[in-house]
Amino acid sequence: MNTTISDLSKFTAALVRGDGLSAASRAEMTKPQLHLATSNEFPLFSPDAPASQQRKDLYAGLGVIVFDGPQGLAFSKAATTARPPTQWCVLRLLSDVS
């Protein structure tokens, strides 16, 4: 996704609030869909970590990472953008889904 910092911040704020989504759509998006068994979130084709080292609460949702945080079920959306190419901005969004 190519975007500006301003547009990315608007997108992430809307995502946290659930703007433009029905309650059912937001619940489906943030529902644990696929267990992440690798030691890193990316690359996706890394070998699974030993069962004793896997987080039992770490899942992919629909476009987000879902996990049990200190306050309960939460989701995370990470985005990286460069503007200009020599300056990087990494945005990590966390939200309680309850």
PDB file of N, CA and C in Angstrom:
ATOM      1  N   MET A   1       0.849  -1.162   0.000  1.00  0.00           N
ATOM      2  CA  MET A   1       0.000   0.000   0.000  1.00  0.00           C
ATOM      3  C   MET A   1       0.898   1.230   0.000  1.00  0.00           C
ATOM      4  N   ASN A   2       0.713   2.114  -0.926  1.00  0.00           N
ATOM      5  CA  ASN A   2       1.392   3.395  -0.961  1.00  0.00           C
ATOM      6  C   ASN A   2       0.446   4.448  -0.428  1.00  0.00           C
ATOM      7  N   THR A   3       0.890   5.212   0.549  1.00  0.00           N
ATOM      8  CA  THR A   3       0.025   6.205   1.167  1.00  0.00           C
ATOM      9  C   THR A   3       0.864   7.303   1.799  1.00  0.00           C
ATOM     10  N   THR A   4       0.198   8.303   2.293  1.00  0.00           N
ATOM     11  CA  THR A   4       0.871   9.374   3.038  1.00  0.00           C
ATOM     12  C   THR A   4       0.708   9.090   4.531  1.00  0.00           C
ATOM     13  N   ILE A   5       1.530   9.712   5.341  1.00  0.00           N
ATOM     14  CA  ILE A   5       1.405   9.557   6.794  1.00  0.00           C
ATOM     15  C   ILE A   5       0.033  10.035   7.251  1.00  0.00           C
ATOM     16  N   SER A   6      -0.440  11.133   6.693  1.00  0.00           N
ATOM     17  CA  SER A   6      -1.754  11.673   7.061  1.00  0.00           C
ATOM     18  C   SER A   6      -2.872  10.681   6.748  1.00  0.00           C
ATOM     19  N   ASP A   7      -2.875  10.131   5.541  1.00  0.00           N
ATOM     20  CA  ASP A   7      -3.916   9.175   5.171  1.00  0.00           C
ATOM     21  C   ASP A   7      -3.812   7.888   5.979  1.00  0.00           C
ATOM     22  N   LEU A   8      -2.590   7.440   6.257  1.00  0.00           N
ATOM     23  CA  LEU A   8      -2.416   6.225   7.041  1.00  0.00           C
ATOM     24  C   LEU A   8      -2.953   6.414   8.457  1.00  0.00           C
ATOM     25  N   SER A   9      -2.724   7.583   9.041  1.00  0.00           N
ATOM     26  CA  SER A   9      -3.242   7.825  10.395  1.00  0.00           C
ATOM     27  C   SER A   9      -4.767   7.869  10.387  1.00  0.00           C
ATOM     28  N   LYS A  10      -5.377   8.445   9.348  1.00  0.00           N
ATOM     29  CA  LYS A  10      -6.840   8.459   9.240  1.00  0.00           C
ATOM     30  C   LYS A  10      -7.385   7.038   9.096  1.00  0.00           C
ATOM     31  N   PHE A  11      -6.704   6.232   8.265  1.00  0.00           N
ATOM     32  CA  PHE A  11      -7.121   4.843   8.066  1.00  0.00           C
ATOM     33  C   PHE A  11      -7.064   4.064   9.372  1.00  0.00           C
ATOM     34  N   THR A  12      -5.968   4.181  10.103  1.00  0.00           N
ATOM     35  CA  THR A  12      -5.812   3.402  11.326  1.00  0.00           C
ATOM     36  C   THR A  12      -6.800   3.846  12.398  1.00  0.00           C
ATOM     37  N   ALA A  13      -7.072   5.149  12.488  1.00  0.00           N
ATOM     38  CA  ALA A  13      -8.067   5.628  13.454  1.00  0.00           C
ATOM     39  C   ALA A  13      -9.444   5.069  13.112  1.00  0.00           C
ATOM     40  N   ALA A  14      -9.794   5.056  11.832  1.00  0.00           N
ATOM     41  CA  ALA A  14     -11.079   4.500  11.401  1.00  0.00           C
ATOM     42  C   ALA A  14     -11.141   3.001  11.678  1.00  0.00           C
ATOM     43  N   LEU A  15     -10.027   2.308  11.485  1.00  0.00           N
ATOM     44  CA  LEU A  15      -9.981   0.865  11.746  1.00  0.00           C
ATOM     45  C   LEU A  15     -10.218   0.574  13.226  1.00  0.00           C
ATOM     46  N   VAL A  16      -9.596   1.359  14.104  1.00  0.00           N
ATOM     47  CA  VAL A  16      -9.788   1.168  15.538  1.00  0.00           C
ATOM     48  C   VAL A  16     -11.239   1.412  15.927  1.00  0.00           C
ATOM     49  N   ARG A  17     -11.837   2.453  15.375  1.00  0.00           N
ATOM     50  CA  ARG A  17     -13.233   2.779  15.701  1.00  0.00           C
ATOM     51  C   ARG A  17     -14.224   1.842  15.035  1.00  0.00           C
ATOM     52  N   GLY A  18     -13.819   1.174  13.955  1.00  0.00           N
ATOM     53  CA  GLY A  18     -14.725   0.311  13.207  1.00  0.00           C
ATOM     54  C   GLY A  18     -15.572   1.084  12.214  1.00  0.00           C
ATOM     55  N   ASP A  19     -15.138   2.303  11.853  1.00  0.00           N
ATOM     56  CA  ASP A  19     -15.882   3.109  10.890  1.00  0.00           C
ATOM     57  C   ASP A  19     -16.062   2.353   9.581  1.00  0.00           C
ATOM     58  N   GLY A  20     -17.270   2.391   9.045  1.00  0.00           N
ATOM     59  CA  GLY A  20     -17.542   1.770   7.755  1.00  0.00           C
ATOM     60  C   GLY A  20     -17.748   0.274   7.814  1.00  0.00           C
ATOM     61  N   LEU A  21     -17.712  -0.302   8.990  1.00  0.00           N
ATOM     62  CA  LEU A  21     -17.903  -1.738   9.151  1.00  0.00           C
ATOM     63  C   LEU A  21     -19.124  -2.007  10.016  1.00  0.00           C
ATOM     64  N   SER A  22     -19.877  -3.009   9.674  1.00  0.00           N
ATOM     65  CA  SER A  22     -20.950  -3.440  10.563  1.00  0.00           C
ATOM     66  C   SER A  22     -20.309  -4.140  11.766  1.00  0.00           C
ATOM     67  N   ALA A  23     -21.062  -4.265  12.839  1.00  0.00           N
ATOM     68  CA  ALA A  23     -20.541  -4.967  14.022  1.00  0.00           C
ATOM     69  C   ALA A  23     -20.148  -6.397  13.662  1.00  0.00           C
ATOM     70  N   ALA A  24     -20.938  -7.037  12.815  1.00  0.00           N
ATOM     71  CA  ALA A  24     -20.640  -8.416  12.410  1.00  0.00           C
ATOM     72  C   ALA A  24     -19.357  -8.481  11.579  1.00  0.00           C
ATOM     73  N   SER A  25     -19.162  -7.518  10.680  1.00  0.00           N
ATOM     74  CA  SER A  25     -17.947  -7.494   9.855  1.00  0.00           C
ATOM     75  C   SER A  25     -16.708  -7.253  10.707  1.00  0.00           C
ATOM     76  N   ARG A  26     -16.808  -6.318  11.647  1.00  0.00           N
ATOM     77  CA  ARG A  26     -15.666  -6.035  12.515  1.00  0.00           C
ATOM     78  C   ARG A  26     -15.347  -7.243  13.390  1.00  0.00           C
ATOM     79  N   ALA A  27     -16.370  -7.919  13.886  1.00  0.00           N
ATOM     80  CA  ALA A  27     -16.149  -9.121  14.702  1.00  0.00           C
ATOM     81  C   ALA A  27     -15.470 -10.212  13.878  1.00  0.00           C
ATOM     82  N   GLU A  28     -15.888 -10.383  12.629  1.00  0.00           N
ATOM     83  CA  GLU A  28     -15.270 -11.388  11.762  1.00  0.00           C
ATOM     84  C   GLU A  28     -13.828 -11.028  11.446  1.00  0.00           C
ATOM     85  N   MET A  29     -13.562  -9.751  11.215  1.00  0.00           N
ATOM     86  CA  MET A  29     -12.211  -9.285  10.880  1.00  0.00           C
ATOM     87  C   MET A  29     -11.236  -9.525  12.026  1.00  0.00           C
ATOM     88  N   THR A  30     -11.702  -9.337  13.256  1.00  0.00           N
ATOM     89  CA  THR A  30     -10.822  -9.448  14.417  1.00  0.00           C
ATOM     90  C   THR A  30     -10.929 -10.793  15.122  1.00  0.00           C
ATOM     91  N   LYS A  31     -11.608 -11.744  14.495  1.00  0.00           N
ATOM     92  CA  LYS A  31     -11.717 -13.098  15.056  1.00  0.00           C
ATOM     93  C   LYS A  31     -10.451 -13.879  14.711  1.00  0.00           C
ATOM     94  N   PRO A  32      -9.902 -14.638  15.661  1.00  0.00           N
ATOM     95  CA  PRO A  32      -8.755 -15.487  15.341  1.00  0.00           C
ATOM     96  C   PRO A  32      -9.094 -16.444  14.202  1.00  0.00           C
ATOM     97  N   GLN A  33      -8.335 -16.372  13.106  1.00  0.00           N
ATOM     98  CA  GLN A  33      -8.612 -17.193  11.931  1.00  0.00           C
ATOM     99  C   GLN A  33      -7.551 -18.282  11.722  1.00  0.00           C
ATOM    100  N   LEU A  34      -6.285 -17.922  11.902  1.00  0.00           N
ATOM    101  CA  LEU A  34      -5.175 -18.839  11.614  1.00  0.00           C
ATOM    102  C   LEU A  34      -4.107 -18.685  12.685  1.00  0.00           C
ATOM    103  N   HIS A  35      -3.809 -19.773  13.381  1.00  0.00           N
ATOM    104  CA  HIS A  35      -2.785 -19.716  14.429  1.00  0.00           C
ATOM    105  C   HIS A  35      -1.423 -19.425  13.809  1.00  0.00           C
ATOM    106  N   LEU A  36      -0.672 -18.493  14.392  1.00  0.00           N
ATOM    107  CA  LEU A  36       0.688 -18.183  13.943  1.00  0.00           C
ATOM    108  C   LEU A  36       1.652 -18.984  14.800  1.00  0.00           C
ATOM    109  N   ALA A  37       2.246 -20.008  14.204  1.00  0.00           N
ATOM    110  CA  ALA A  37       3.109 -20.935  14.938  1.00  0.00           C
ATOM    111  C   ALA A  37       4.587 -20.666  14.711  1.00  0.00           C
ATOM    112  N   THR A  38       4.908 -19.664  13.889  1.00  0.00           N
ATOM    113  CA  THR A  38       6.307 -19.343  13.616  1.00  0.00           C
ATOM    114  C   THR A  38       6.869 -18.459  14.720  1.00  0.00           C
ATOM    115  N   SER A  39       8.183 -18.378  14.807  1.00  0.00           N
ATOM    116  CA  SER A  39       8.790 -17.547  15.842  1.00  0.00           C
ATOM    117  C   SER A  39       8.705 -16.064  15.493  1.00  0.00           C
ATOM    118  N   ASN A  40       8.501 -15.741  14.211  1.00  0.00           N
ATOM    119  CA  ASN A  40       8.324 -14.363  13.763  1.00  0.00           C
ATOM    120  C   ASN A  40       7.023 -14.266  12.990  1.00  0.00           C
ATOM    121  N   GLU A  41       6.435 -13.085  12.990  1.00  0.00           N
ATOM    122  CA  GLU A  41       5.208 -12.874  12.228  1.00  0.00           C
ATOM    123  C   GLU A  41       5.467 -13.035  10.737  1.00  0.00           C
ATOM    124  N   PHE A  42       6.617 -12.551  10.266  1.00  0.00           N
ATOM    125  CA  PHE A  42       6.995 -12.652   8.863  1.00  0.00           C
ATOM    126  C   PHE A  42       8.427 -13.146   8.779  1.00  0.00           C
ATOM    127  N   PRO A  43       8.831 -13.906   7.780  1.00  0.00           N
ATOM    128  CA  PRO A  43       8.079 -14.333   6.602  1.00  0.00           C
ATOM    129  C   PRO A  43       7.103 -15.443   6.942  1.00  0.00           C
ATOM    130  N   LEU A  44       6.044 -15.508   6.190  1.00  0.00           N
ATOM    131  CA  LEU A  44       4.973 -16.459   6.480  1.00  0.00           C
ATOM    132  C   LEU A  44       5.374 -17.906   6.266  1.00  0.00           C
ATOM    133  N   PHE A  45       6.407 -18.151   5.470  1.00  0.00           N
ATOM    134  CA  PHE A  45       6.784 -19.522   5.152  1.00  0.00           C
ATOM    135  C   PHE A  45       7.938 -20.023   6.001  1.00  0.00           C
ATOM    136  N   SER A  46       8.190 -19.381   7.131  1.00  0.00           N
ATOM    137  CA  SER A  46       9.205 -19.856   8.063  1.00  0.00           C
ATOM    138  C   SER A  46       8.712 -21.152   8.698  1.00  0.00           C
ATOM    139  N   PRO A  47       9.641 -21.995   9.129  1.00  0.00           N
ATOM    140  CA  PRO A  47       9.191 -23.222   9.799  1.00  0.00           C
ATOM    141  C   PRO A  47       8.523 -22.892  11.131  1.00  0.00           C
ATOM    142  N   ASP A  48       7.606 -23.757  11.539  1.00  0.00           N
ATOM    143  CA  ASP A  48       6.951 -23.564  12.836  1.00  0.00           C
ATOM    144  C   ASP A  48       7.979 -23.652  13.954  1.00  0.00           C
ATOM    145  N   ALA A  49       7.788 -22.858  14.980  1.00  0.00           N
ATOM    146  CA  ALA A  49       8.612 -22.945  16.180  1.00  0.00           C
ATOM    147  C   ALA A  49       8.197 -24.197  16.946  1.00  0.00           C
ATOM    148  N   PRO A  50       9.075 -24.717  17.795  1.00  0.00           N
ATOM    149  CA  PRO A  50       8.655 -25.847  18.636  1.00  0.00           C
ATOM    150  C   PRO A  50       7.417 -25.449  19.444  1.00  0.00           C
ATOM    151  N   ALA A  51       6.545 -26.389  19.694  1.00  0.00           N
ATOM    152  CA  ALA A  51       5.283 -26.108  20.389  1.00  0.00           C
ATOM    153  C   ALA A  51       5.502 -25.360  21.702  1.00  0.00           C
ATOM    154  N   SER A  52       6.577 -25.684  22.407  1.00  0.00           N
ATOM    155  CA  SER A  52       6.842 -25.039  23.701  1.00  0.00           C
ATOM    156  C   SER A  52       7.201 -23.555  23.548  1.00  0.00           C
ATOM    157  N   GLN A  53       7.591 -23.130  22.338  1.00  0.00           N
ATOM    158  CA  GLN A  53       7.981 -21.739  22.101  1.00  0.00           C
ATOM    159  C   GLN A  53       6.898 -20.934  21.370  1.00  0.00           C
ATOM    160  N   GLN A  54       5.804 -21.574  21.007  1.00  0.00           N
ATOM    161  CA  GLN A  54       4.733 -20.878  20.297  1.00  0.00           C
ATOM    162  C   GLN A  54       3.825 -20.152  21.285  1.00  0.00           C
ATOM    163  N   ARG A  55       3.359 -18.986  20.869  1.00  0.00           N
ATOM    164  CA  ARG A  55       2.327 -18.287  21.653  1.00  0.00           C
ATOM    165  C   ARG A  55       0.986 -18.910  21.292  1.00  0.00           C
ATOM    166  N   LYS A  56       0.295 -19.398  22.269  1.00  0.00           N
ATOM    167  CA  LYS A  56      -0.995 -20.063  22.038  1.00  0.00           C
ATOM    168  C   LYS A  56      -2.090 -19.056  21.681  1.00  0.00           C
ATOM    169  N   ASP A  57      -1.845 -17.759  21.940  1.00  0.00           N
ATOM    170  CA  ASP A  57      -2.868 -16.734  21.735  1.00  0.00           C
ATOM    171  C   ASP A  57      -2.622 -15.876  20.494  1.00  0.00           C
ATOM    172  N   LEU A  58      -1.684 -16.241  19.619  1.00  0.00           N
ATOM    173  CA  LEU A  58      -1.302 -15.393  18.489  1.00  0.00           C
ATOM    174  C   LEU A  58      -1.899 -15.937  17.196  1.00  0.00           C
ATOM    175  N   TYR A  59      -2.770 -15.148  16.582  1.00  0.00           N
ATOM    176  CA  TYR A  59      -3.493 -15.571  15.376  1.00  0.00           C
ATOM    177  C   TYR A  59      -3.505 -14.469  14.332  1.00  0.00           C
ATOM    178  N   ALA A  60      -3.691 -14.860  13.097  1.00  0.00           N
ATOM    179  CA  ALA A  60      -4.002 -13.914  12.041  1.00  0.00           C
ATOM    180  C   ALA A  60      -5.513 -13.795  11.981  1.00  0.00           C
ATOM    181  N   GLY A  61      -5.986 -12.548  11.910  1.00  0.00           N
ATOM    182  CA  GLY A  61      -7.393 -12.283  11.632  1.00  0.00           C
ATOM    183  C   GLY A  61      -7.492 -11.958  10.153  1.00  0.00           C
ATOM    184  N   LEU A  62      -8.477 -11.209   9.757  1.00  0.00           N
ATOM    185  CA  LEU A  62      -8.608 -10.782   8.366  1.00  0.00           C
ATOM    186  C   LEU A  62      -7.951  -9.414   8.208  1.00  0.00           C
ATOM    187  N   GLY A  63      -6.653  -9.412   7.900  1.00  0.00           N
ATOM    188  CA  GLY A  63      -5.904  -8.170   7.730  1.00  0.00           C
ATOM    189  C   GLY A  63      -5.288  -7.633   8.995  1.00  0.00           C
ATOM    190  N   VAL A  64      -5.434  -8.334  10.093  1.00  0.00           N
ATOM    191  CA  VAL A  64      -4.860  -7.908  11.369  1.00  0.00           C
ATOM    192  C   VAL A  64      -4.285  -9.122  12.090  1.00  0.00           C
ATOM    193  N   ILE A  65      -3.461  -8.874  13.090  1.00  0.00           N
ATOM    194  CA  ILE A  65      -2.964  -9.919  13.985  1.00  0.00           C
ATOM    195  C   ILE A  65      -3.803  -9.844  15.256  1.00  0.00           C
ATOM    196  N   VAL A  66      -4.289 -10.973  15.733  1.00  0.00           N
ATOM    197  CA  VAL A  66      -5.169 -11.032  16.895  1.00  0.00           C
ATOM    198  C   VAL A  66      -4.425 -11.754  18.015  1.00  0.00           C
ATOM    199  N   PHE A  67      -4.542 -11.230  19.234  1.00  0.00           N
ATOM    200  CA  PHE A  67      -3.844 -11.834  20.373  1.00  0.00           C
ATOM    201  C   PHE A  67      -4.550 -11.457  21.666  1.00  0.00           C
ATOM    202  N   ASP A  68      -4.221 -12.176  22.740  1.00  0.00           N
ATOM    203  CA  ASP A  68      -4.707 -11.830  24.073  1.00  0.00           C
ATOM    204  C   ASP A  68      -3.704 -10.884  24.699  1.00  0.00           C
ATOM    205  N   GLY A  69      -4.106  -9.642  24.911  1.00  0.00           N
ATOM    206  CA  GLY A  69      -3.250  -8.650  25.544  1.00  0.00           C
ATOM    207  C   GLY A  69      -3.569  -8.529  27.017  1.00  0.00           C
ATOM    208  N   PRO A  70      -2.888  -7.636  27.715  1.00  0.00           N
ATOM    209  CA  PRO A  70      -3.116  -7.472  29.159  1.00  0.00           C
ATOM    210  C   PRO A  70      -4.563  -7.114  29.511  1.00  0.00           C
ATOM    211  N   GLN A  71      -5.272  -6.416  28.611  1.00  0.00           N
ATOM    212  CA  GLN A  71      -6.653  -6.034  28.858  1.00  0.00           C
ATOM    213  C   GLN A  71      -7.653  -6.954  28.158  1.00  0.00           C
ATOM    214  N   GLY A  72      -7.186  -8.043  27.564  1.00  0.00           N
ATOM    215  CA  GLY A  72      -8.077  -8.967  26.875  1.00  0.00           C
ATOM    216  C   GLY A  72      -7.757  -9.062  25.391  1.00  0.00           C
ATOM    217  N   LEU A  73      -8.710  -9.580  24.619  1.00  0.00           N
ATOM    218  CA  LEU A  73      -8.511  -9.779  23.189  1.00  0.00           C
ATOM    219  C   LEU A  73      -8.242  -8.447  22.500  1.00  0.00           C
ATOM    220  N   ALA A  74      -7.224  -8.408  21.649  1.00  0.00           N
ATOM    221  CA  ALA A  74      -6.827  -7.180  20.960  1.00  0.00           C
ATOM    222  C   ALA A  74      -6.390  -7.526  19.550  1.00  0.00           C
ATOM    223  N   PHE A  75      -6.238  -6.509  18.707  1.00  0.00           N
ATOM    224  CA  PHE A  75      -5.688  -6.730  17.382  1.00  0.00           C
ATOM    225  C   PHE A  75      -4.603  -5.722  17.108  1.00  0.00           C
ATOM    226  N   SER A  76      -3.745  -6.079  16.166  1.00  0.00           N
ATOM    227  CA  SER A  76      -2.610  -5.253  15.799  1.00  0.00           C
ATOM    228  C   SER A  76      -2.557  -5.164  14.287  1.00  0.00           C
ATOM    229  N   LYS A  77      -2.282  -3.988  13.795  1.00  0.00           N
ATOM    230  CA  LYS A  77      -2.104  -3.781  12.355  1.00  0.00           C
ATOM    231  C   LYS A  77      -0.812  -3.008  12.205  1.00  0.00           C
ATOM    232  N   ALA A  78       0.126  -3.557  11.465  1.00  0.00           N
ATOM    233  CA  ALA A  78       1.396  -2.880  11.242  1.00  0.00           C
ATOM    234  C   ALA A  78       1.452  -2.408   9.801  1.00  0.00           C
ATOM    235  N   ALA A  79       1.986  -1.245   9.605  1.00  0.00           N
ATOM    236  CA  ALA A  79       2.153  -0.701   8.257  1.00  0.00           C
ATOM    237  C   ALA A  79       3.474   0.027   8.204  1.00  0.00           C
ATOM    238  N   THR A  80       4.138  -0.099   7.106  1.00  0.00           N
ATOM    239  CA  THR A  80       5.400   0.592   6.899  1.00  0.00           C
ATOM    240  C   THR A  80       5.283   1.420   5.634  1.00  0.00           C
ATOM    241  N   THR A  81       5.718   2.637   5.714  1.00  0.00           N
ATOM    242  CA  THR A  81       5.666   3.494   4.541  1.00  0.00           C
ATOM    243  C   THR A  81       6.929   4.333   4.469  1.00  0.00           C
ATOM    244  N   ALA A  82       7.298   4.726   3.303  1.00  0.00           N
ATOM    245  CA  ALA A  82       8.481   5.578   3.126  1.00  0.00           C
ATOM    246  C   ALA A  82       8.069   6.814   2.349  1.00  0.00           C
ATOM    247  N   ARG A  83       8.406   7.995   2.888  1.00  0.00           N
ATOM    248  CA  ARG A  83       8.101   9.258   2.208  1.00  0.00           C
ATOM    249  C   ARG A  83       9.036  10.312   2.699  1.00  0.00           C
ATOM    250  N   PRO A  84      10.054  10.732   2.095  1.00  0.00           N
ATOM    251  CA  PRO A  84      10.677  10.198   0.884  1.00  0.00           C
ATOM    252  C   PRO A  84      11.395   8.885   1.169  1.00  0.00           C
ATOM    253  N   PRO A  85      11.969   8.238   0.135  1.00  0.00           N
ATOM    254  CA  PRO A  85      12.544   6.898   0.309  1.00  0.00           C
ATOM    255  C   PRO A  85      13.632   6.797   1.376  1.00  0.00           C
ATOM    256  N   THR A  86      14.247   7.896   1.760  1.00  0.00           N
ATOM    257  CA  THR A  86      15.321   7.815   2.747  1.00  0.00           C
ATOM    258  C   THR A  86      14.810   7.929   4.172  1.00  0.00           C
ATOM    259  N   GLN A  87      13.536   8.213   4.363  1.00  0.00           N
ATOM    260  CA  GLN A  87      12.977   8.354   5.702  1.00  0.00           C
ATOM    261  C   GLN A  87      11.844   7.355   5.871  1.00  0.00           C
ATOM    262  N   TRP A  88      11.941   6.520   6.890  1.00  0.00           N
ATOM    263  CA  TRP A  88      10.938   5.478   7.113  1.00  0.00           C
ATOM    264  C   TRP A  88      10.062   5.828   8.299  1.00  0.00           C
ATOM    265  N   CYS A  89       8.831   5.439   8.214  1.00  0.00           N
ATOM    266  CA  CYS A  89       7.895   5.561   9.326  1.00  0.00           C
ATOM    267  C   CYS A  89       7.245   4.203   9.520  1.00  0.00           C
ATOM    268  N   VAL A  90       7.287   3.687  10.725  1.00  0.00           N
ATOM    269  CA  VAL A  90       6.635   2.421  11.031  1.00  0.00           C
ATOM    270  C   VAL A  90       5.526   2.716  12.024  1.00  0.00           C
ATOM    271  N   LEU A  91       4.343   2.281  11.697  1.00  0.00           N
ATOM    272  CA  LEU A  91       3.183   2.514  12.543  1.00  0.00           C
ATOM    273  C   LEU A  91       2.668   1.178  13.029  1.00  0.00           C
ATOM    274  N   ARG A  92       2.529   1.032  14.315  1.00  0.00           N
ATOM    275  CA  ARG A  92       1.995  -0.197  14.900  1.00  0.00           C
ATOM    276  C   ARG A  92       0.730   0.180  15.648  1.00  0.00           C
ATOM    277  N   LEU A  93      -0.370  -0.374  15.236  1.00  0.00           N
ATOM    278  CA  LEU A  93      -1.677  -0.043  15.798  1.00  0.00           C
ATOM    279  C   LEU A  93      -2.149  -1.175  16.668  1.00  0.00           C
ATOM    280  N   LEU A  94      -2.536  -0.868  17.886  1.00  0.00           N
ATOM    281  CA  LEU A  94      -3.071  -1.878  18.802  1.00  0.00           C
ATOM    282  C   LEU A  94      -4.441  -1.422  19.267  1.00  0.00           C
ATOM    283  N   SER A  95      -5.373  -2.350  19.360  1.00  0.00           N
ATOM    284  CA  SER A  95      -6.711  -1.983  19.809  1.00  0.00           C
ATOM    285  C   SER A  95      -7.366  -3.128  20.538  1.00  0.00           C
ATOM    286  N   ASP A  96      -8.068  -2.800  21.588  1.00  0.00           N
ATOM    287  CA  ASP A  96      -8.906  -3.751  22.284  1.00  0.00           C
ATOM    288  C   ASP A  96     -10.155  -3.984  21.431  1.00  0.00           C
ATOM    289  N   VAL A  97     -10.522  -5.221  21.176  1.00  0.00           N
ATOM    290  CA  VAL A  97     -11.675  -5.498  20.315  1.00  0.00           C
ATOM    291  C   VAL A  97     -12.969  -5.685  21.087  1.00  0.00           C
ATOM    292  N   SER A  98     -12.902  -5.585  22.393  1.00  0.00           N
ATOM    293  CA  SER A  98     -14.144  -5.777  23.164  1.00  0.00           C
ATOM    294  C   SER A  98     -14.970  -4.511  23.199  1.00  0.00           C
TER     295      SER A  98
END
